[in-house]
Amino acid sequence: MRGEGSATRLRARCRGPQGLPLEVDLLVGMPAGHETLSVVVPWDERRFQYTSKHTARPASGTVRIGGDVLAFGEGAWGTLDHGRGRWPRSVAWNWGAASGRTDGRTVGLQFGGRWTRGTGATENAVCVDGRISKIGQELQWHWSRGDHLAPWSIRSPEPAGVDLVFTPFHNRSTRTDIGLLANRTDQCFGHYTGSIRTDDGERIVVDRLLGWAEDVRMRW
């Protein structure tokens, strides 16, 4: 990963699970004036997390798997998640994001939950045509821990600026437990449907916006 002007170049080369060679060369752009979300979340006087989330960044390039080449251009999007801090020994979080065109607008969704409760900070925002509308409230997340592929609900308290249903089609599930280190991740990919509202009060219809939502618990 490296910066190229205002953009980010992503390159990778490895063998896939079936032994096929995998090559990635993507450029994730940063349009002039495009706004992003960066916050510092304080757990206490010693523990904190700085996080920067960028949604709805146009992407282009190729992914080669064996002899197949997937080309990305118009309608492809990238999301940047960057952070650093000093964490507590165990933490749980939700993270949801999506990018694309809907209701005639370019929309990016950025939602977080659980890990920010009680800190006075959130990592919630919507980006419409490059302009961020920050959401200072904790969102209400509802999902089934017994069936992560069942629909999720993500809403803001009244007045509802966020009213979305996330319908997954794939769950990337991982489990690790080696004593002090444990990880339980369910990262689901799917589509968001519903509505959001900007700082100006404009209601945007969200129609099958591609993204993900995850349920993570970690200990180290």
C-alpha atoms as a PDB file:
ATOM      1  CA  MET A   1       0.000   0.000   0.000  1.00  0.00           C
ATOM      2  CA  ARG A   2       1.441   3.388  -0.937  1.00  0.00           C
ATOM      3  CA  GLY A   3       0.279   6.898  -1.688  1.00  0.00           C
ATOM      4  CA  GLU A   4       0.279   8.151  -5.270  1.00  0.00           C
ATOM      5  CA  GLY A   5      -0.603  11.826  -5.013  1.00  0.00           C
ATOM      6  CA  SER A   6      -3.977  11.926  -3.295  1.00  0.00           C
ATOM      7  CA  ALA A   7      -4.746   8.307  -4.294  1.00  0.00           C
ATOM      8  CA  THR A   8      -3.735   4.976  -2.740  1.00  0.00           C
ATOM      9  CA  ARG A   9      -2.101   2.179  -4.753  1.00  0.00           C
ATOM     10  CA  LEU A  10      -2.810  -1.402  -3.630  1.00  0.00           C
ATOM     11  CA  ARG A  11      -0.590  -4.187  -4.956  1.00  0.00           C
ATOM     12  CA  ALA A  12      -0.415  -7.826  -3.872  1.00  0.00           C
ATOM     13  CA  ARG A  13       0.896 -11.157  -5.143  1.00  0.00           C
ATOM     14  CA  CYS A  14       0.403 -14.569  -3.544  1.00  0.00           C
ATOM     15  CA  ARG A  15      -0.968 -18.073  -4.033  1.00  0.00           C
ATOM     16  CA  GLY A  16      -4.680 -18.544  -3.471  1.00  0.00           C
ATOM     17  CA  PRO A  17      -6.245 -21.360  -1.398  1.00  0.00           C
ATOM     18  CA  GLN A  18      -6.361 -23.661  -4.467  1.00  0.00           C
ATOM     19  CA  GLY A  19      -2.757 -22.834  -5.380  1.00  0.00           C
ATOM     20  CA  LEU A  20      -3.692 -20.445  -8.172  1.00  0.00           C
ATOM     21  CA  PRO A  21      -1.519 -17.323  -8.515  1.00  0.00           C
ATOM     22  CA  LEU A  22      -3.262 -14.149  -7.353  1.00  0.00           C
ATOM     23  CA  GLU A  23      -2.157 -10.681  -8.472  1.00  0.00           C
ATOM     24  CA  VAL A  24      -3.796  -7.400  -7.441  1.00  0.00           C
ATOM     25  CA  ASP A  25      -3.123  -3.924  -8.831  1.00  0.00           C
ATOM     26  CA  LEU A  26      -5.733  -1.338  -7.822  1.00  0.00           C
ATOM     27  CA  LEU A  27      -5.764   2.439  -7.529  1.00  0.00           C
ATOM     28  CA  VAL A  28      -8.204   3.946  -5.021  1.00  0.00           C
ATOM     29  CA  GLY A  29      -8.740   7.606  -5.859  1.00  0.00           C
ATOM     30  CA  MET A  30      -9.444  10.605  -3.674  1.00  0.00           C
ATOM     31  CA  PRO A  31     -11.528  13.216  -5.545  1.00  0.00           C
ATOM     32  CA  ALA A  32     -10.742  16.853  -4.799  1.00  0.00           C
ATOM     33  CA  GLY A  33     -12.737  18.085  -1.804  1.00  0.00           C
ATOM     34  CA  HIS A  34     -13.912  14.598  -0.820  1.00  0.00           C
ATOM     35  CA  GLU A  35     -14.551  14.575   2.948  1.00  0.00           C
ATOM     36  CA  THR A  36     -13.572  11.719   5.293  1.00  0.00           C
ATOM     37  CA  LEU A  37     -14.205  10.838   8.938  1.00  0.00           C
ATOM     38  CA  SER A  38     -11.441  10.845  11.570  1.00  0.00           C
ATOM     39  CA  VAL A  39     -12.072  10.626  15.327  1.00  0.00           C
ATOM     40  CA  VAL A  40     -10.244   9.839  18.559  1.00  0.00           C
ATOM     41  CA  VAL A  41     -12.171   7.494  20.864  1.00  0.00           C
ATOM     42  CA  PRO A  42     -11.041   7.692  24.522  1.00  0.00           C
ATOM     43  CA  TRP A  43     -11.657   4.632  26.696  1.00  0.00           C
ATOM     44  CA  ASP A  44      -9.811   6.129  29.684  1.00  0.00           C
ATOM     45  CA  GLU A  45      -6.744   8.293  30.458  1.00  0.00           C
ATOM     46  CA  ARG A  46      -4.350   5.683  29.028  1.00  0.00           C
ATOM     47  CA  ARG A  47      -6.333   3.829  26.364  1.00  0.00           C
ATOM     48  CA  PHE A  48      -7.603   5.339  23.125  1.00  0.00           C
ATOM     49  CA  GLN A  49      -8.050   4.665  19.439  1.00  0.00           C
ATOM     50  CA  TYR A  50      -7.541   7.095  16.576  1.00  0.00           C
ATOM     51  CA  THR A  51      -9.522   5.892  13.564  1.00  0.00           C
ATOM     52  CA  SER A  52      -9.885   7.311  10.068  1.00  0.00           C
ATOM     53  CA  LYS A  53     -12.574   5.971   7.751  1.00  0.00           C
ATOM     54  CA  HIS A  54     -12.839   6.882   4.049  1.00  0.00           C
ATOM     55  CA  THR A  55     -15.847   5.698   2.016  1.00  0.00           C
ATOM     56  CA  ALA A  56     -17.022   6.161  -1.583  1.00  0.00           C
ATOM     57  CA  ARG A  57     -13.510   6.466  -3.031  1.00  0.00           C
ATOM     58  CA  PRO A  58     -13.540   5.437  -6.726  1.00  0.00           C
ATOM     59  CA  ALA A  59     -11.363   2.444  -7.561  1.00  0.00           C
ATOM     60  CA  SER A  60      -9.888   1.032 -10.769  1.00  0.00           C
ATOM     61  CA  GLY A  61      -7.464  -1.686 -11.793  1.00  0.00           C
ATOM     62  CA  THR A  62      -7.301  -5.464 -12.073  1.00  0.00           C
ATOM     63  CA  VAL A  63      -7.345  -8.644 -10.007  1.00  0.00           C
ATOM     64  CA  ARG A  64      -5.893 -11.745 -11.704  1.00  0.00           C
ATOM     65  CA  ILE A  65      -6.734 -15.231 -10.374  1.00  0.00           C
ATOM     66  CA  GLY A  66      -4.953 -17.880 -12.388  1.00  0.00           C
ATOM     67  CA  GLY A  67      -5.875 -17.132 -15.995  1.00  0.00           C
ATOM     68  CA  ASP A  68      -8.942 -15.043 -15.137  1.00  0.00           C
ATOM     69  CA  VAL A  69      -8.688 -11.250 -15.011  1.00  0.00           C
ATOM     70  CA  LEU A  70     -11.282  -9.120 -13.212  1.00  0.00           C
ATOM     71  CA  ALA A  71     -11.233  -5.506 -14.366  1.00  0.00           C
ATOM     72  CA  PHE A  72     -12.502  -2.742 -12.075  1.00  0.00           C
ATOM     73  CA  GLY A  73     -13.479   0.735 -13.220  1.00  0.00           C
ATOM     74  CA  GLU A  74     -16.801   2.559 -13.394  1.00  0.00           C
ATOM     75  CA  GLY A  75     -18.899   1.585 -10.372  1.00  0.00           C
ATOM     76  CA  ALA A  76     -16.023   0.213  -8.276  1.00  0.00           C
ATOM     77  CA  TRP A  77     -15.295   1.722  -4.866  1.00  0.00           C
ATOM     78  CA  GLY A  78     -12.712   1.520  -2.109  1.00  0.00           C
ATOM     79  CA  THR A  79     -12.917   2.017   1.661  1.00  0.00           C
ATOM     80  CA  LEU A  80      -9.918   2.972   3.790  1.00  0.00           C
ATOM     81  CA  ASP A  81      -9.769   1.969   7.464  1.00  0.00           C
ATOM     82  CA  HIS A  82      -6.715   3.395   9.229  1.00  0.00           C
ATOM     83  CA  GLY A  83      -6.096   3.622  12.947  1.00  0.00           C
ATOM     84  CA  ARG A  84      -3.698   3.349  15.840  1.00  0.00           C
ATOM     85  CA  GLY A  85      -3.968   3.498  19.595  1.00  0.00           C
ATOM     86  CA  ARG A  86      -3.642   1.694  22.901  1.00  0.00           C
ATOM     87  CA  TRP A  87      -6.426  -0.829  23.397  1.00  0.00           C
ATOM     88  CA  PRO A  88      -7.926  -2.613  26.407  1.00  0.00           C
ATOM     89  CA  ARG A  89      -7.186  -6.326  26.679  1.00  0.00           C
ATOM     90  CA  SER A  90     -10.613  -7.343  25.391  1.00  0.00           C
ATOM     91  CA  VAL A  91     -13.006  -5.448  23.131  1.00  0.00           C
ATOM     92  CA  ALA A  92     -16.064  -6.093  20.966  1.00  0.00           C
ATOM     93  CA  TRP A  93     -17.364  -4.074  18.051  1.00  0.00           C
ATOM     94  CA  ASN A  94     -19.682  -3.771  15.088  1.00  0.00           C
ATOM     95  CA  TRP A  95     -18.534  -2.149  11.881  1.00  0.00           C
ATOM     96  CA  GLY A  96     -20.590  -1.547   8.780  1.00  0.00           C
ATOM     97  CA  ALA A  97     -19.697   0.277   5.573  1.00  0.00           C
ATOM     98  CA  ALA A  98     -20.910   0.597   2.002  1.00  0.00           C
ATOM     99  CA  SER A  99     -20.296   2.722  -1.088  1.00  0.00           C
ATOM    100  CA  GLY A 100     -22.033   3.267  -4.406  1.00  0.00           C
ATOM    101  CA  ARG A 101     -24.610   5.157  -6.410  1.00  0.00           C
ATOM    102  CA  THR A 102     -28.188   5.301  -5.145  1.00  0.00           C
ATOM    103  CA  ASP A 103     -31.087   7.745  -5.534  1.00  0.00           C
ATOM    104  CA  GLY A 104     -28.985   9.649  -8.088  1.00  0.00           C
ATOM    105  CA  ARG A 105     -26.229  10.335  -5.531  1.00  0.00           C
ATOM    106  CA  THR A 106     -22.820   8.937  -4.612  1.00  0.00           C
ATOM    107  CA  VAL A 107     -23.226   7.575  -1.083  1.00  0.00           C
ATOM    108  CA  GLY A 108     -20.813   6.188   1.501  1.00  0.00           C
ATOM    109  CA  LEU A 109     -21.991   4.629   4.766  1.00  0.00           C
ATOM    110  CA  GLN A 110     -19.760   4.367   7.853  1.00  0.00           C
ATOM    111  CA  PHE A 111     -21.197   2.881  11.039  1.00  0.00           C
ATOM    112  CA  GLY A 112     -19.592   1.565  14.227  1.00  0.00           C
ATOM    113  CA  GLY A 113     -20.994   0.202  17.444  1.00  0.00           C
ATOM    114  CA  ARG A 114     -20.389  -1.241  20.930  1.00  0.00           C
ATOM    115  CA  TRP A 115     -16.717  -0.297  21.283  1.00  0.00           C
ATOM    116  CA  THR A 116     -17.473   3.452  21.532  1.00  0.00           C
ATOM    117  CA  ARG A 117     -20.255   3.234  24.160  1.00  0.00           C
ATOM    118  CA  GLY A 118     -19.713   5.555  27.091  1.00  0.00           C
ATOM    119  CA  THR A 119     -16.777   7.401  25.503  1.00  0.00           C
ATOM    120  CA  GLY A 120     -18.730  10.388  24.186  1.00  0.00           C
ATOM    121  CA  ALA A 121     -17.430   9.702  20.659  1.00  0.00           C
ATOM    122  CA  THR A 122     -18.808   7.735  17.697  1.00  0.00           C
ATOM    123  CA  GLU A 123     -17.484   6.700  14.295  1.00  0.00           C
ATOM    124  CA  ASN A 124     -20.843   7.116  12.549  1.00  0.00           C
ATOM    125  CA  ALA A 125     -21.316   9.212   9.406  1.00  0.00           C
ATOM    126  CA  VAL A 126     -22.827   9.240   5.947  1.00  0.00           C
ATOM    127  CA  CYS A 127     -21.040  10.716   2.943  1.00  0.00           C
ATOM    128  CA  VAL A 128     -23.245  12.089   0.144  1.00  0.00           C
ATOM    129  CA  ASP A 129     -21.557  13.416  -3.004  1.00  0.00           C
ATOM    130  CA  GLY A 130     -18.315  13.822  -1.070  1.00  0.00           C
ATOM    131  CA  ARG A 131     -19.765  15.698   1.925  1.00  0.00           C
ATOM    132  CA  ILE A 132     -19.773  14.125   5.396  1.00  0.00           C
ATOM    133  CA  SER A 133     -22.784  14.291   7.714  1.00  0.00           C
ATOM    134  CA  LYS A 134     -21.528  13.235  11.155  1.00  0.00           C
ATOM    135  CA  ILE A 135     -23.832  11.194  13.407  1.00  0.00           C
ATOM    136  CA  GLY A 136     -23.053  11.839  17.065  1.00  0.00           C
ATOM    137  CA  GLN A 137     -25.571   9.307  18.388  1.00  0.00           C
ATOM    138  CA  GLU A 138     -24.917   5.648  19.065  1.00  0.00           C
ATOM    139  CA  LEU A 139     -26.782   3.567  16.482  1.00  0.00           C
ATOM    140  CA  GLN A 140     -29.093   0.691  17.343  1.00  0.00           C
ATOM    141  CA  TRP A 141     -27.770  -2.582  15.903  1.00  0.00           C
ATOM    142  CA  HIS A 142     -29.930  -5.706  15.790  1.00  0.00           C
ATOM    143  CA  TRP A 143     -28.728  -9.020  14.344  1.00  0.00           C
ATOM    144  CA  SER A 144     -28.827 -12.728  15.117  1.00  0.00           C
ATOM    145  CA  ARG A 145     -25.665 -14.175  16.672  1.00  0.00           C
ATOM    146  CA  GLY A 146     -27.083 -17.605  15.871  1.00  0.00           C
ATOM    147  CA  ASP A 147     -27.543 -16.774  12.185  1.00  0.00           C
ATOM    148  CA  HIS A 148     -25.365 -13.944  10.892  1.00  0.00           C
ATOM    149  CA  LEU A 149     -26.825 -14.383   7.400  1.00  0.00           C
ATOM    150  CA  ALA A 150     -30.255 -13.288   8.645  1.00  0.00           C
ATOM    151  CA  PRO A 151     -31.092  -9.607   7.937  1.00  0.00           C
ATOM    152  CA  TRP A 152     -29.526  -6.978  10.216  1.00  0.00           C
ATOM    153  CA  SER A 153     -31.173  -3.715  11.316  1.00  0.00           C
ATOM    154  CA  ILE A 154     -29.172  -0.507  11.829  1.00  0.00           C
ATOM    155  CA  ARG A 155     -31.103   2.543  13.000  1.00  0.00           C
ATOM    156  CA  SER A 156     -30.515   5.824  14.742  1.00  0.00           C
ATOM    157  CA  PRO A 157     -32.750   7.029  17.600  1.00  0.00           C
ATOM    158  CA  GLU A 158     -35.568   9.410  16.725  1.00  0.00           C
ATOM    159  CA  PRO A 159     -35.551  11.485  14.641  1.00  0.00           C
ATOM    160  CA  ALA A 160     -34.349   8.604  12.466  1.00  0.00           C
ATOM    161  CA  GLY A 161     -31.496   9.793  10.281  1.00  0.00           C
ATOM    162  CA  VAL A 162     -30.477   6.179   9.619  1.00  0.00           C
ATOM    163  CA  ASP A 163     -33.075   3.487   8.944  1.00  0.00           C
ATOM    164  CA  LEU A 164     -31.468   0.552   7.140  1.00  0.00           C
ATOM    165  CA  VAL A 165     -31.749  -3.190   6.686  1.00  0.00           C
ATOM    166  CA  PHE A 166     -28.593  -5.074   5.746  1.00  0.00           C
ATOM    167  CA  THR A 167     -29.170  -8.375   3.915  1.00  0.00           C
ATOM    168  CA  PRO A 168     -26.048 -10.570   3.780  1.00  0.00           C
ATOM    169  CA  PHE A 169     -25.159 -13.100   1.083  1.00  0.00           C
ATOM    170  CA  HIS A 170     -21.790 -14.296   2.484  1.00  0.00           C
ATOM    171  CA  ASN A 171     -20.206 -14.588   5.941  1.00  0.00           C
ATOM    172  CA  ARG A 172     -16.417 -14.635   6.322  1.00  0.00           C
ATOM    173  CA  SER A 173     -16.299 -16.365   9.689  1.00  0.00           C
ATOM    174  CA  THR A 174     -13.038 -16.891  11.622  1.00  0.00           C
ATOM    175  CA  ARG A 175     -12.344 -18.297  15.091  1.00  0.00           C
ATOM    176  CA  THR A 176      -9.091 -18.272  17.092  1.00  0.00           C
ATOM    177  CA  ASP A 177      -8.526 -19.285  20.714  1.00  0.00           C
ATOM    178  CA  ILE A 178      -4.923 -19.849  21.827  1.00  0.00           C
ATOM    179  CA  GLY A 179      -4.994 -18.862  25.469  1.00  0.00           C
ATOM    180  CA  LEU A 180      -4.338 -15.146  25.843  1.00  0.00           C
ATOM    181  CA  LEU A 181      -5.212 -14.527  22.177  1.00  0.00           C
ATOM    182  CA  ALA A 182      -8.783 -15.074  21.016  1.00  0.00           C
ATOM    183  CA  ASN A 183     -10.736 -13.780  18.056  1.00  0.00           C
ATOM    184  CA  ARG A 184     -14.314 -14.353  16.929  1.00  0.00           C
ATOM    185  CA  THR A 185     -15.167 -12.568  13.680  1.00  0.00           C
ATOM    186  CA  ASP A 186     -18.275 -12.736  11.516  1.00  0.00           C
ATOM    187  CA  GLN A 187     -17.801 -10.333   8.604  1.00  0.00           C
ATOM    188  CA  CYS A 188     -20.858 -10.432   6.369  1.00  0.00           C
ATOM    189  CA  PHE A 189     -21.066  -9.033   2.849  1.00  0.00           C
ATOM    190  CA  GLY A 190     -24.393  -7.965   1.410  1.00  0.00           C
ATOM    191  CA  HIS A 191     -26.662  -5.034   0.532  1.00  0.00           C
ATOM    192  CA  TYR A 192     -28.092  -2.084   2.463  1.00  0.00           C
ATOM    193  CA  THR A 193     -31.658  -0.920   1.805  1.00  0.00           C
ATOM    194  CA  GLY A 194     -33.644   1.854   3.486  1.00  0.00           C
ATOM    195  CA  SER A 195     -32.916   5.539   3.966  1.00  0.00           C
ATOM    196  CA  ILE A 196     -30.456   8.041   5.449  1.00  0.00           C
ATOM    197  CA  ARG A 197     -30.691  11.741   6.172  1.00  0.00           C
ATOM    198  CA  THR A 198     -28.024  14.423   5.697  1.00  0.00           C
ATOM    199  CA  ASP A 199     -27.194  17.368   7.966  1.00  0.00           C
ATOM    200  CA  ASP A 200     -29.394  19.502   5.703  1.00  0.00           C
ATOM    201  CA  GLY A 201     -32.390  17.262   6.372  1.00  0.00           C
ATOM    202  CA  GLU A 202     -32.376  15.706   2.898  1.00  0.00           C
ATOM    203  CA  ARG A 203     -33.646  12.114   2.839  1.00  0.00           C
ATOM    204  CA  ILE A 204     -31.709   9.772   0.553  1.00  0.00           C
ATOM    205  CA  VAL A 205     -33.187   6.436  -0.494  1.00  0.00           C
ATOM    206  CA  VAL A 206     -30.659   3.606  -0.191  1.00  0.00           C
ATOM    207  CA  ASP A 207     -31.363   0.812  -2.679  1.00  0.00           C
ATOM    208  CA  ARG A 208     -29.183  -2.344  -2.446  1.00  0.00           C
ATOM    209  CA  LEU A 209     -25.938  -0.541  -1.693  1.00  0.00           C
ATOM    210  CA  LEU A 210     -23.112  -3.107  -1.616  1.00  0.00           C
ATOM    211  CA  GLY A 211     -21.097  -3.299   1.603  1.00  0.00           C
ATOM    212  CA  TRP A 212     -20.516  -5.299   4.765  1.00  0.00           C
ATOM    213  CA  ALA A 213     -21.361  -5.514   8.465  1.00  0.00           C
ATOM    214  CA  GLU A 214     -19.345  -7.344  11.083  1.00  0.00           C
ATOM    215  CA  ASP A 215     -19.605  -8.689  14.614  1.00  0.00           C
ATOM    216  CA  VAL A 216     -16.174  -9.014  16.271  1.00  0.00           C
ATOM    217  CA  ARG A 217     -14.961  -9.985  19.727  1.00  0.00           C
ATOM    218  CA  MET A 218     -11.227  -9.998  20.498  1.00  0.00           C
ATOM    219  CA  ARG A 219      -8.928 -10.695  23.434  1.00  0.00           C
ATOM    220  CA  TRP A 220      -5.139 -10.328  23.594  1.00  0.00           C
END
